[in-house]
Amino acid sequence: MSKYEYLIDKVKGADFSFKPFKHIIIKNFLSEEHFKEIVNTPQIRKHNLPNTKALIQELLEDGYDIQTFPGCITSVEKYLEFIENPSRGINKALVKDYGKDIIESYGMSLYLKEHRSISTASLMEFVNGNQFKPCLEEKFALERETYLDTGIQKYLSGYEISPHPDTRRKALTYMLNINTSQLSEGIEIHTRLMTLKDKYKYLYELWKYNSEIDRCWVPWDWCDSYNHVNTNNTLIIFEPSYDTMHAVKLEYDHLKFQRTQLYGNLWYHEKLAEKSSLHDIDLISRHKFSNSKTIKDRVLSKLINALYGLR
C-alpha cells in the first residue's frame, strides 16, 4: 500500500470549476509532511547558484536531462547566449515546431530522470501506478484508451508557451506546483487560465464543431488572463477542449529557485486531426483581403465584417 493513496480520495471528492473552463483545482494536494519531503530533497531544492551555467551543470550531474519541449531549446550554449543578452532576440529555427512563429523567448526544460530520493521515487511510482490514472479517467468520464506521460520538471527563465487549448490527442492534463520557495507565489511564473477576446471567439466555434481541425497556439494579444494557478502544492486537472486556453511565460531569477512541477498527460493513441497553423485560423487578419479576386476571400471578408463589425 502506497503512502500516497489518500490522493485518490482528494481527486474523487474534488468539485469541478467551470470558469473560465471546466477544471479541478485542489489546494494542499500533498500532505504538509509529504510536500516538505519533496521540496527539501537535494534534487529538487536548488538555491542560490552562482550563474546559469553552474545551475544547468549541477542539474545534469544530479540526474536531470534537457528536454525537447515546446517553448524550449536544448543547446546550453545558445540558451546561455539568450539569457545573457535577451535583447538580441531568439533564433526560432532552434525551437521545436510548436508556435515558433508566435513565441518571443525561449527557455530550457529539465526532466528528473534519475530519482535518488525515496520521496520523489515513491511519489512517481504512485502516479505511474495502477490506481491514479484510472481515478483520473473515471473522474473525467474518459471512455477511450489512453497512455500516460508524467514526470518532474524544472523550467528555467525564458520558457514560454503561448495561449493554446492543447491538441486533440491529449485526453487529460494535470500539473502540481512543487516550488521550493514561497517567493514563487508572488511571481508570474505560473500557468495562466485564459479566455479568447471577443473578436477571436469564433475560434471556440471553429474548434468545437470541426473535429478534423487540430487546435493550435495563438498570439498573447488574442487572449485575456482569467487567473494564475500560483499557489504552491496546488494541483490543476482539466480535459483539453475547444475552450481550455492556457499559457505560461517565465522571466525570473532561476538562480534563487526554479519553477518546478509534477506534470502528467494522458494521451490518445490515434491521430485525431490535421495540424493547423496561425495562418489557417487568423480570419481577422484575412478579412483585410476583401479586394481579393477569389470568391472565397470576398465571402470570408463579408462574413467576418458581419460577425464582428470590422472595417
C-alpha atoms as a PDB file:
ATOM      1  CA  MET A   1       0.000   0.000   0.000  1.00  0.00           C
ATOM      2  CA  SER A   2       1.356   3.411  -1.035  1.00  0.00           C
ATOM      3  CA  LYS A   3       1.556   6.224   1.498  1.00  0.00           C
ATOM      4  CA  TYR A   4       0.044   8.440  -1.218  1.00  0.00           C
ATOM      5  CA  GLU A   5      -3.264   6.574  -1.518  1.00  0.00           C
ATOM      6  CA  TYR A   6      -5.089   9.444   0.203  1.00  0.00           C
ATOM      7  CA  LEU A   7      -4.605  11.423  -3.033  1.00  0.00           C
ATOM      8  CA  ILE A   8      -7.213   9.207  -4.703  1.00  0.00           C
ATOM      9  CA  ASP A   9      -9.891  10.437  -2.298  1.00  0.00           C
ATOM     10  CA  LYS A  10      -8.830  14.044  -2.882  1.00  0.00           C
ATOM     11  CA  VAL A  11      -9.406  13.675  -6.622  1.00  0.00           C
ATOM     12  CA  LYS A  12     -12.679  11.785  -6.199  1.00  0.00           C
ATOM     13  CA  GLY A  13     -14.014  14.374  -3.764  1.00  0.00           C
ATOM     14  CA  ALA A  14     -12.926  17.466  -5.700  1.00  0.00           C
ATOM     15  CA  ASP A  15     -15.562  19.767  -7.159  1.00  0.00           C
ATOM     16  CA  PHE A  16     -15.405  20.959 -10.745  1.00  0.00           C
ATOM     17  CA  SER A  17     -14.996  24.649 -11.525  1.00  0.00           C
ATOM     18  CA  PHE A  18     -16.339  25.987 -14.815  1.00  0.00           C
ATOM     19  CA  LYS A  19     -14.718  29.403 -15.110  1.00  0.00           C
ATOM     20  CA  PRO A  20     -13.065  30.073 -17.439  1.00  0.00           C
ATOM     21  CA  PHE A  21     -13.461  26.395 -18.450  1.00  0.00           C
ATOM     22  CA  LYS A  22     -14.124  23.048 -16.789  1.00  0.00           C
ATOM     23  CA  HIS A  23     -11.292  22.075 -14.437  1.00  0.00           C
ATOM     24  CA  ILE A  24     -10.413  20.911 -10.943  1.00  0.00           C
ATOM     25  CA  ILE A  25      -8.107  22.758  -8.576  1.00  0.00           C
ATOM     26  CA  ILE A  26      -7.008  21.049  -5.368  1.00  0.00           C
ATOM     27  CA  LYS A  27      -5.019  23.126  -2.899  1.00  0.00           C
ATOM     28  CA  ASN A  28      -2.734  21.401  -0.379  1.00  0.00           C
ATOM     29  CA  PHE A  29      -2.792  18.316  -2.580  1.00  0.00           C
ATOM     30  CA  LEU A  30       0.101  16.609  -0.837  1.00  0.00           C
ATOM     31  CA  SER A  31       0.026  16.446   2.946  1.00  0.00           C
ATOM     32  CA  GLU A  32       2.226  19.030   4.626  1.00  0.00           C
ATOM     33  CA  GLU A  33       4.652  16.274   5.648  1.00  0.00           C
ATOM     34  CA  HIS A  34       4.924  14.818   2.143  1.00  0.00           C
ATOM     35  CA  PHE A  35       5.193  18.213   0.476  1.00  0.00           C
ATOM     36  CA  LYS A  36       8.091  19.200   2.735  1.00  0.00           C
ATOM     37  CA  GLU A  37       9.785  15.888   1.986  1.00  0.00           C
ATOM     38  CA  ILE A  38       9.593  16.515  -1.752  1.00  0.00           C
ATOM     39  CA  VAL A  39      10.680  20.162  -1.862  1.00  0.00           C
ATOM     40  CA  ASN A  40      13.569  19.593   0.538  1.00  0.00           C
ATOM     41  CA  THR A  41      15.178  16.725  -1.356  1.00  0.00           C
ATOM     42  CA  PRO A  42      18.587  17.735  -2.776  1.00  0.00           C
ATOM     43  CA  GLN A  43      17.482  17.015  -6.350  1.00  0.00           C
ATOM     44  CA  ILE A  44      14.546  19.426  -6.077  1.00  0.00           C
ATOM     45  CA  ARG A  45      15.985  22.138  -3.840  1.00  0.00           C
ATOM     46  CA  LYS A  46      18.494  24.121  -5.888  1.00  0.00           C
ATOM     47  CA  HIS A  47      19.006  27.567  -4.339  1.00  0.00           C
ATOM     48  CA  ASN A  48      21.465  30.413  -4.796  1.00  0.00           C
ATOM     49  CA  LEU A  49      23.585  29.062  -7.638  1.00  0.00           C
ATOM     50  CA  PRO A  50      26.351  31.434  -8.849  1.00  0.00           C
ATOM     51  CA  ASN A  51      25.276  31.551 -12.510  1.00  0.00           C
ATOM     52  CA  THR A  52      23.066  29.806 -15.068  1.00  0.00           C
ATOM     53  CA  LYS A  53      25.856  27.652 -16.462  1.00  0.00           C
ATOM     54  CA  ALA A  54      26.592  26.316 -12.980  1.00  0.00           C
ATOM     55  CA  LEU A  55      22.892  25.674 -12.369  1.00  0.00           C
ATOM     56  CA  ILE A  56      22.474  23.640 -15.553  1.00  0.00           C
ATOM     57  CA  GLN A  57      25.669  21.707 -14.883  1.00  0.00           C
ATOM     58  CA  GLU A  58      24.539  20.843 -11.357  1.00  0.00           C
ATOM     59  CA  LEU A  59      21.130  19.711 -12.575  1.00  0.00           C
ATOM     60  CA  LEU A  60      22.678  17.490 -15.244  1.00  0.00           C
ATOM     61  CA  GLU A  61      25.056  15.956 -12.710  1.00  0.00           C
ATOM     62  CA  ASP A  62      22.158  15.408 -10.319  1.00  0.00           C
ATOM     63  CA  GLY A  63      20.013  13.226 -12.570  1.00  0.00           C
ATOM     64  CA  TYR A  64      18.224  15.685 -14.869  1.00  0.00           C
ATOM     65  CA  ASP A  65      18.041  15.566 -18.671  1.00  0.00           C
ATOM     66  CA  ILE A  66      17.475  18.516 -21.012  1.00  0.00           C
ATOM     67  CA  GLN A  67      14.148  18.020 -22.758  1.00  0.00           C
ATOM     68  CA  THR A  68      12.997  18.672 -26.295  1.00  0.00           C
ATOM     69  CA  PHE A  69       9.929  20.527 -25.138  1.00  0.00           C
ATOM     70  CA  PRO A  70       7.600  23.211 -26.552  1.00  0.00           C
ATOM     71  CA  GLY A  71       8.869  26.726 -25.799  1.00  0.00           C
ATOM     72  CA  CYS A  72      12.385  25.442 -25.141  1.00  0.00           C
ATOM     73  CA  ILE A  73      15.727  24.784 -26.779  1.00  0.00           C
ATOM     74  CA  THR A  74      18.228  22.039 -25.995  1.00  0.00           C
ATOM     75  CA  SER A  75      21.507  23.841 -26.719  1.00  0.00           C
ATOM     76  CA  VAL A  76      23.075  25.053 -23.464  1.00  0.00           C
ATOM     77  CA  GLU A  77      25.382  27.363 -25.409  1.00  0.00           C
ATOM     78  CA  LYS A  78      22.526  29.048 -27.311  1.00  0.00           C
ATOM     79  CA  TYR A  79      20.409  29.276 -24.182  1.00  0.00           C
ATOM     80  CA  LEU A  80      23.208  30.988 -22.248  1.00  0.00           C
ATOM     81  CA  GLU A  81      23.661  33.452 -25.128  1.00  0.00           C
ATOM     82  CA  PHE A  82      19.982  34.345 -24.921  1.00  0.00           C
ATOM     83  CA  ILE A  83      19.831  34.631 -21.117  1.00  0.00           C
ATOM     84  CA  GLU A  84      22.917  36.856 -21.041  1.00  0.00           C
ATOM     85  CA  ASN A  85      21.580  39.133 -23.770  1.00  0.00           C
ATOM     86  CA  PRO A  86      17.818  38.640 -24.328  1.00  0.00           C
ATOM     87  CA  SER A  87      17.508  41.908 -26.239  1.00  0.00           C
ATOM     88  CA  ARG A  88      19.179  40.215 -29.192  1.00  0.00           C
ATOM     89  CA  GLY A  89      16.034  38.121 -29.627  1.00  0.00           C
ATOM     90  CA  ILE A  90      15.731  34.422 -30.346  1.00  0.00           C
ATOM     91  CA  ASN A  91      16.635  32.106 -33.178  1.00  0.00           C
ATOM     92  CA  LYS A  92      13.260  30.500 -33.921  1.00  0.00           C
ATOM     93  CA  ALA A  93      14.913  27.801 -36.004  1.00  0.00           C
ATOM     94  CA  LEU A  94      16.161  26.293 -32.734  1.00  0.00           C
ATOM     95  CA  VAL A  95      12.667  25.971 -31.270  1.00  0.00           C
ATOM     96  CA  LYS A  96      10.553  22.841 -31.517  1.00  0.00           C
ATOM     97  CA  ASP A  97       7.818  23.315 -34.091  1.00  0.00           C
ATOM     98  CA  TYR A  98       5.076  24.369 -31.670  1.00  0.00           C
ATOM     99  CA  GLY A  99       4.120  28.000 -32.056  1.00  0.00           C
ATOM    100  CA  LYS A 100       7.598  29.028 -33.134  1.00  0.00           C
ATOM    101  CA  ASP A 101       6.028  31.760 -35.275  1.00  0.00           C
ATOM    102  CA  ILE A 102       4.440  33.261 -32.142  1.00  0.00           C
ATOM    103  CA  ILE A 103       6.782  32.968 -29.158  1.00  0.00           C
ATOM    104  CA  GLU A 104       9.057  35.846 -28.181  1.00  0.00           C
ATOM    105  CA  SER A 105      11.552  33.988 -25.987  1.00  0.00           C
ATOM    106  CA  TYR A 106      12.715  30.511 -25.179  1.00  0.00           C
ATOM    107  CA  GLY A 107      13.803  28.685 -22.094  1.00  0.00           C
ATOM    108  CA  MET A 108      15.117  25.323 -21.047  1.00  0.00           C
ATOM    109  CA  SER A 109      13.242  22.420 -19.507  1.00  0.00           C
ATOM    110  CA  LEU A 110      14.987  19.718 -17.471  1.00  0.00           C
ATOM    111  CA  TYR A 111      13.373  16.393 -16.605  1.00  0.00           C
ATOM    112  CA  LEU A 112      14.237  14.481 -13.436  1.00  0.00           C
ATOM    113  CA  LYS A 113      15.181  11.150 -14.984  1.00  0.00           C
ATOM    114  CA  GLU A 114      17.078   9.520 -12.119  1.00  0.00           C
ATOM    115  CA  HIS A 115      15.321   9.660  -8.750  1.00  0.00           C
ATOM    116  CA  ARG A 116      17.869   9.489  -5.924  1.00  0.00           C
ATOM    117  CA  SER A 117      15.344  10.268  -3.198  1.00  0.00           C
ATOM    118  CA  ILE A 118      12.877   7.753  -1.773  1.00  0.00           C
ATOM    119  CA  SER A 119      10.327  10.588  -1.521  1.00  0.00           C
ATOM    120  CA  THR A 120      10.251  11.529  -5.213  1.00  0.00           C
ATOM    121  CA  ALA A 121      10.703   7.918  -6.340  1.00  0.00           C
ATOM    122  CA  SER A 122       7.711   6.716  -4.322  1.00  0.00           C
ATOM    123  CA  LEU A 123       5.542   9.635  -5.472  1.00  0.00           C
ATOM    124  CA  MET A 124       6.341   8.898  -9.119  1.00  0.00           C
ATOM    125  CA  GLU A 125       5.713   5.198  -8.554  1.00  0.00           C
ATOM    126  CA  PHE A 126       2.253   6.087  -7.260  1.00  0.00           C
ATOM    127  CA  VAL A 127       1.229   8.474 -10.072  1.00  0.00           C
ATOM    128  CA  ASN A 128       2.514   5.952 -12.634  1.00  0.00           C
ATOM    129  CA  GLY A 129       0.816   3.047 -10.871  1.00  0.00           C
ATOM    130  CA  ASN A 130      -2.477   1.250 -11.385  1.00  0.00           C
ATOM    131  CA  GLN A 131      -4.639   3.486  -9.169  1.00  0.00           C
ATOM    132  CA  PHE A 132      -4.088   7.151 -10.008  1.00  0.00           C
ATOM    133  CA  LYS A 133      -4.625   7.044 -13.782  1.00  0.00           C
ATOM    134  CA  PRO A 134      -7.910   5.068 -13.553  1.00  0.00           C
ATOM    135  CA  CYS A 135      -9.089   7.530 -10.894  1.00  0.00           C
ATOM    136  CA  LEU A 136      -8.495  10.457 -13.250  1.00  0.00           C
ATOM    137  CA  GLU A 137     -10.178   8.673 -16.154  1.00  0.00           C
ATOM    138  CA  GLU A 138     -13.237   7.913 -14.043  1.00  0.00           C
ATOM    139  CA  LYS A 139     -13.437  11.467 -12.667  1.00  0.00           C
ATOM    140  CA  PHE A 140     -13.485  12.939 -16.176  1.00  0.00           C
ATOM    141  CA  ALA A 141     -15.513  10.069 -17.692  1.00  0.00           C
ATOM    142  CA  LEU A 142     -12.871   9.230 -20.296  1.00  0.00           C
ATOM    143  CA  GLU A 143     -14.013   6.243 -22.321  1.00  0.00           C
ATOM    144  CA  ARG A 144     -11.246   5.656 -24.870  1.00  0.00           C
ATOM    145  CA  GLU A 145      -7.920   4.017 -24.091  1.00  0.00           C
ATOM    146  CA  THR A 146      -5.083   6.354 -23.120  1.00  0.00           C
ATOM    147  CA  TYR A 147      -1.429   6.138 -22.193  1.00  0.00           C
ATOM    148  CA  LEU A 148       0.411   8.158 -19.558  1.00  0.00           C
ATOM    149  CA  ASP A 149       3.322  10.589 -19.787  1.00  0.00           C
ATOM    150  CA  THR A 150       4.391  12.044 -16.450  1.00  0.00           C
ATOM    151  CA  GLY A 151       7.399  13.356 -14.564  1.00  0.00           C
ATOM    152  CA  ILE A 152       9.008  16.132 -12.549  1.00  0.00           C
ATOM    153  CA  GLN A 153      10.474  19.050 -14.495  1.00  0.00           C
ATOM    154  CA  LYS A 154      12.226  22.332 -13.858  1.00  0.00           C
ATOM    155  CA  TYR A 155      11.593  25.248 -16.219  1.00  0.00           C
ATOM    156  CA  LEU A 156      14.237  27.955 -16.485  1.00  0.00           C
ATOM    157  CA  SER A 157      13.675  31.616 -17.283  1.00  0.00           C
ATOM    158  CA  GLY A 158      12.583  32.402 -20.823  1.00  0.00           C
ATOM    159  CA  TYR A 159      10.332  29.362 -21.111  1.00  0.00           C
ATOM    160  CA  GLU A 160       7.178  30.339 -22.961  1.00  0.00           C
ATOM    161  CA  ILE A 161       4.099  28.541 -24.235  1.00  0.00           C
ATOM    162  CA  SER A 162       1.678  30.886 -25.962  1.00  0.00           C
ATOM    163  CA  PRO A 163      -2.072  30.608 -25.281  1.00  0.00           C
ATOM    164  CA  HIS A 164      -3.498  27.332 -26.558  1.00  0.00           C
ATOM    165  CA  PRO A 165      -6.204  24.789 -25.663  1.00  0.00           C
ATOM    166  CA  ASP A 166      -3.975  21.697 -26.255  1.00  0.00           C
ATOM    167  CA  THR A 167      -4.031  19.281 -29.144  1.00  0.00           C
ATOM    168  CA  ARG A 168      -6.950  16.880 -29.623  1.00  0.00           C
ATOM    169  CA  ARG A 169      -4.625  13.931 -28.964  1.00  0.00           C
ATOM    170  CA  LYS A 170      -4.286  14.976 -25.328  1.00  0.00           C
ATOM    171  CA  ALA A 171      -7.055  13.409 -23.265  1.00  0.00           C
ATOM    172  CA  LEU A 172      -6.216  14.928 -19.870  1.00  0.00           C
ATOM    173  CA  THR A 173      -3.508  17.023 -18.258  1.00  0.00           C
ATOM    174  CA  TYR A 174      -2.536  17.808 -14.689  1.00  0.00           C
ATOM    175  CA  MET A 175       0.131  19.997 -13.074  1.00  0.00           C
ATOM    176  CA  LEU A 176       1.221  20.178  -9.439  1.00  0.00           C
ATOM    177  CA  ASN A 177       3.309  23.126  -8.197  1.00  0.00           C
ATOM    178  CA  ILE A 178       6.227  21.848  -6.119  1.00  0.00           C
ATOM    179  CA  ASN A 179       8.269  25.043  -5.897  1.00  0.00           C
ATOM    180  CA  THR A 180      10.916  25.241  -3.193  1.00  0.00           C
ATOM    181  CA  SER A 181      10.357  28.876  -2.232  1.00  0.00           C
ATOM    182  CA  GLN A 182       7.237  30.724  -1.116  1.00  0.00           C
ATOM    183  CA  LEU A 183       8.538  33.627  -3.194  1.00  0.00           C
ATOM    184  CA  SER A 184       7.209  31.700  -6.199  1.00  0.00           C
ATOM    185  CA  GLU A 185       3.614  32.544  -5.311  1.00  0.00           C
ATOM    186  CA  GLY A 186       4.192  36.255  -5.886  1.00  0.00           C
ATOM    187  CA  ILE A 187       5.973  35.907  -9.224  1.00  0.00           C
ATOM    188  CA  GLU A 188       4.240  35.436 -12.589  1.00  0.00           C
ATOM    189  CA  ILE A 189       5.770  32.073 -13.441  1.00  0.00           C
ATOM    190  CA  HIS A 190       2.595  30.019 -13.285  1.00  0.00           C
ATOM    191  CA  THR A 191       0.052  28.514 -15.633  1.00  0.00           C
ATOM    192  CA  ARG A 192      -2.399  31.184 -16.711  1.00  0.00           C
ATOM    193  CA  LEU A 193      -6.011  30.225 -17.377  1.00  0.00           C
ATOM    194  CA  MET A 194      -7.225  32.412 -20.229  1.00  0.00           C
ATOM    195  CA  THR A 195     -10.154  33.335 -22.455  1.00  0.00           C
ATOM    196  CA  LEU A 196     -10.225  34.498 -26.044  1.00  0.00           C
ATOM    197  CA  LYS A 197     -11.037  38.161 -26.602  1.00  0.00           C
ATOM    198  CA  ASP A 198     -14.437  38.790 -28.139  1.00  0.00           C
ATOM    199  CA  LYS A 199     -13.271  39.264 -31.703  1.00  0.00           C
ATOM    200  CA  TYR A 200     -11.408  35.943 -31.636  1.00  0.00           C
ATOM    201  CA  LYS A 201     -14.157  33.880 -30.018  1.00  0.00           C
ATOM    202  CA  TYR A 202     -15.041  32.451 -33.411  1.00  0.00           C
ATOM    203  CA  LEU A 203     -12.224  30.002 -32.654  1.00  0.00           C
ATOM    204  CA  TYR A 204     -14.358  28.362 -29.969  1.00  0.00           C
ATOM    205  CA  GLU A 205     -16.929  27.537 -32.625  1.00  0.00           C
ATOM    206  CA  LEU A 206     -14.303  26.501 -35.145  1.00  0.00           C
ATOM    207  CA  TRP A 207     -12.658  24.052 -32.734  1.00  0.00           C
ATOM    208  CA  LYS A 208     -15.927  22.841 -31.209  1.00  0.00           C
ATOM    209  CA  TYR A 209     -17.642  21.860 -34.428  1.00  0.00           C
ATOM    210  CA  ASN A 210     -14.730  20.906 -36.703  1.00  0.00           C
ATOM    211  CA  SER A 211     -13.111  17.865 -35.166  1.00  0.00           C
ATOM    212  CA  GLU A 212     -10.899  17.314 -38.219  1.00  0.00           C
ATOM    213  CA  ILE A 213      -9.015  20.559 -37.446  1.00  0.00           C
ATOM    214  CA  ASP A 214      -6.495  20.377 -34.626  1.00  0.00           C
ATOM    215  CA  ARG A 215      -6.224  23.190 -32.109  1.00  0.00           C
ATOM    216  CA  CYS A 216      -3.097  25.352 -32.114  1.00  0.00           C
ATOM    217  CA  TRP A 217      -1.264  28.183 -30.352  1.00  0.00           C
ATOM    218  CA  VAL A 218      -2.436  31.783 -30.714  1.00  0.00           C
ATOM    219  CA  PRO A 219      -0.772  35.169 -30.003  1.00  0.00           C
ATOM    220  CA  TRP A 220      -0.888  36.558 -26.474  1.00  0.00           C
ATOM    221  CA  ASP A 221      -2.878  39.618 -27.520  1.00  0.00           C
ATOM    222  CA  TRP A 222      -5.746  37.401 -28.679  1.00  0.00           C
ATOM    223  CA  CYS A 223      -6.483  36.449 -25.067  1.00  0.00           C
ATOM    224  CA  ASP A 224      -7.249  37.818 -21.629  1.00  0.00           C
ATOM    225  CA  SER A 225      -5.895  36.250 -18.444  1.00  0.00           C
ATOM    226  CA  TYR A 226      -8.547  34.908 -16.087  1.00  0.00           C
ATOM    227  CA  ASN A 227      -6.327  33.764 -13.217  1.00  0.00           C
ATOM    228  CA  HIS A 228      -2.993  32.159 -12.354  1.00  0.00           C
ATOM    229  CA  VAL A 229      -2.512  28.821 -10.633  1.00  0.00           C
ATOM    230  CA  ASN A 230       0.154  30.308  -8.396  1.00  0.00           C
ATOM    231  CA  THR A 231      -0.360  28.604  -5.016  1.00  0.00           C
ATOM    232  CA  ASN A 232       2.287  26.098  -4.035  1.00  0.00           C
ATOM    233  CA  ASN A 233       1.254  22.455  -3.579  1.00  0.00           C
ATOM    234  CA  THR A 234      -1.776  23.084  -5.796  1.00  0.00           C
ATOM    235  CA  LEU A 235      -2.943  20.635  -8.455  1.00  0.00           C
ATOM    236  CA  ILE A 236      -4.916  21.608 -11.543  1.00  0.00           C
ATOM    237  CA  ILE A 237      -6.535  18.982 -13.774  1.00  0.00           C
ATOM    238  CA  PHE A 238      -8.521  19.508 -16.968  1.00  0.00           C
ATOM    239  CA  GLU A 239      -9.622  17.705 -20.087  1.00  0.00           C
ATOM    240  CA  PRO A 240      -8.441  19.676 -23.144  1.00  0.00           C
ATOM    241  CA  SER A 241     -11.323  21.028 -25.175  1.00  0.00           C
ATOM    242  CA  TYR A 242     -12.168  23.881 -27.536  1.00  0.00           C
ATOM    243  CA  ASP A 243     -12.111  26.471 -24.734  1.00  0.00           C
ATOM    244  CA  THR A 244      -9.296  25.331 -22.412  1.00  0.00           C
ATOM    245  CA  MET A 245      -6.986  28.251 -23.183  1.00  0.00           C
ATOM    246  CA  HIS A 246      -3.876  28.380 -21.006  1.00  0.00           C
ATOM    247  CA  ALA A 247      -0.330  29.654 -21.276  1.00  0.00           C
ATOM    248  CA  VAL A 248       2.881  30.361 -19.411  1.00  0.00           C
ATOM    249  CA  LYS A 249       5.726  32.837 -19.778  1.00  0.00           C
ATOM    250  CA  LEU A 250       8.721  32.912 -17.440  1.00  0.00           C
ATOM    251  CA  GLU A 251      11.027  35.804 -16.693  1.00  0.00           C
ATOM    252  CA  TYR A 252      12.521  35.320 -13.228  1.00  0.00           C
ATOM    253  CA  ASP A 253      15.735  34.680 -11.312  1.00  0.00           C
ATOM    254  CA  HIS A 254      16.121  30.926 -11.579  1.00  0.00           C
ATOM    255  CA  LEU A 255      19.341  31.041  -9.548  1.00  0.00           C
ATOM    256  CA  LYS A 256      17.332  31.556  -6.350  1.00  0.00           C
ATOM    257  CA  PHE A 257      14.907  28.716  -7.123  1.00  0.00           C
ATOM    258  CA  GLN A 258      13.392  27.118 -10.213  1.00  0.00           C
ATOM    259  CA  ARG A 259       9.783  26.713 -11.320  1.00  0.00           C
ATOM    260  CA  THR A 260       9.214  23.021 -10.588  1.00  0.00           C
ATOM    261  CA  GLN A 261       6.193  20.889 -11.412  1.00  0.00           C
ATOM    262  CA  LEU A 262       4.994  17.352 -11.323  1.00  0.00           C
ATOM    263  CA  TYR A 263       3.085  17.072 -14.587  1.00  0.00           C
ATOM    264  CA  GLY A 264       1.001  14.328 -16.157  1.00  0.00           C
ATOM    265  CA  ASN A 265      -0.579  13.923 -19.577  1.00  0.00           C
ATOM    266  CA  LEU A 266      -2.981  11.253 -20.729  1.00  0.00           C
ATOM    267  CA  TRP A 267      -2.774  10.758 -24.490  1.00  0.00           C
ATOM    268  CA  TYR A 268      -4.987   9.041 -27.021  1.00  0.00           C
ATOM    269  CA  HIS A 269      -3.151   6.529 -29.165  1.00  0.00           C
ATOM    270  CA  GLU A 270      -4.540   7.595 -32.522  1.00  0.00           C
ATOM    271  CA  LYS A 271      -4.028  10.785 -34.503  1.00  0.00           C
ATOM    272  CA  LEU A 272      -7.300  12.697 -34.349  1.00  0.00           C
ATOM    273  CA  ALA A 273      -6.954  15.749 -36.562  1.00  0.00           C
ATOM    274  CA  GLU A 274      -4.847  17.564 -39.112  1.00  0.00           C
ATOM    275  CA  LYS A 275      -2.390  20.109 -37.767  1.00  0.00           C
ATOM    276  CA  SER A 276      -3.367  23.753 -38.251  1.00  0.00           C
ATOM    277  CA  SER A 277      -1.328  26.950 -38.146  1.00  0.00           C
ATOM    278  CA  LEU A 278      -1.898  30.554 -37.169  1.00  0.00           C
ATOM    279  CA  HIS A 279      -2.401  31.434 -40.836  1.00  0.00           C
ATOM    280  CA  ASP A 280      -5.198  28.868 -41.097  1.00  0.00           C
ATOM    281  CA  ILE A 281      -7.223  30.278 -38.206  1.00  0.00           C
ATOM    282  CA  ASP A 282      -6.490  34.027 -38.349  1.00  0.00           C
ATOM    283  CA  LEU A 283      -9.717  35.102 -40.007  1.00  0.00           C
ATOM    284  CA  ILE A 284      -9.497  38.591 -38.518  1.00  0.00           C
ATOM    285  CA  SER A 285      -6.360  39.396 -40.498  1.00  0.00           C
ATOM    286  CA  ARG A 286      -7.632  37.683 -43.615  1.00  0.00           C
ATOM    287  CA  HIS A 287     -10.693  39.920 -43.747  1.00  0.00           C
ATOM    288  CA  LYS A 288      -8.351  42.672 -44.945  1.00  0.00           C
ATOM    289  CA  PHE A 289      -8.125  40.957 -48.308  1.00  0.00           C
ATOM    290  CA  SER A 290     -11.659  41.969 -49.224  1.00  0.00           C
ATOM    291  CA  ASN A 291     -10.432  43.208 -52.604  1.00  0.00           C
ATOM    292  CA  SER A 292      -9.180  39.715 -53.464  1.00  0.00           C
ATOM    293  CA  LYS A 293     -10.332  38.364 -56.802  1.00  0.00           C
ATOM    294  CA  THR A 294     -11.288  34.987 -55.302  1.00  0.00           C
ATOM    295  CA  ILE A 295     -14.908  34.476 -54.330  1.00  0.00           C
ATOM    296  CA  LYS A 296     -13.814  32.580 -51.203  1.00  0.00           C
ATOM    297  CA  ASP A 297     -11.847  35.506 -49.785  1.00  0.00           C
ATOM    298  CA  ARG A 298     -14.582  38.021 -50.611  1.00  0.00           C
ATOM    299  CA  VAL A 299     -17.253  35.890 -48.939  1.00  0.00           C
ATOM    300  CA  LEU A 300     -14.993  35.324 -45.917  1.00  0.00           C
ATOM    301  CA  SER A 301     -14.407  39.050 -45.605  1.00  0.00           C
ATOM    302  CA  LYS A 302     -18.132  39.782 -45.696  1.00  0.00           C
ATOM    303  CA  LEU A 303     -18.789  37.102 -43.097  1.00  0.00           C
ATOM    304  CA  ILE A 304     -16.163  38.441 -40.681  1.00  0.00           C
ATOM    305  CA  ASN A 305     -17.390  42.001 -41.182  1.00  0.00           C
ATOM    306  CA  ALA A 306     -20.937  40.911 -40.457  1.00  0.00           C
ATOM    307  CA  LEU A 307     -19.988  38.993 -37.340  1.00  0.00           C
ATOM    308  CA  TYR A 308     -17.559  41.470 -35.835  1.00  0.00           C
ATOM    309  CA  GLY A 309     -18.301  44.815 -37.421  1.00  0.00           C
ATOM    310  CA  LEU A 310     -14.781  45.135 -38.803  1.00  0.00           C
ATOM    311  CA  ARG A 311     -13.911  47.811 -41.298  1.00  0.00           C
END
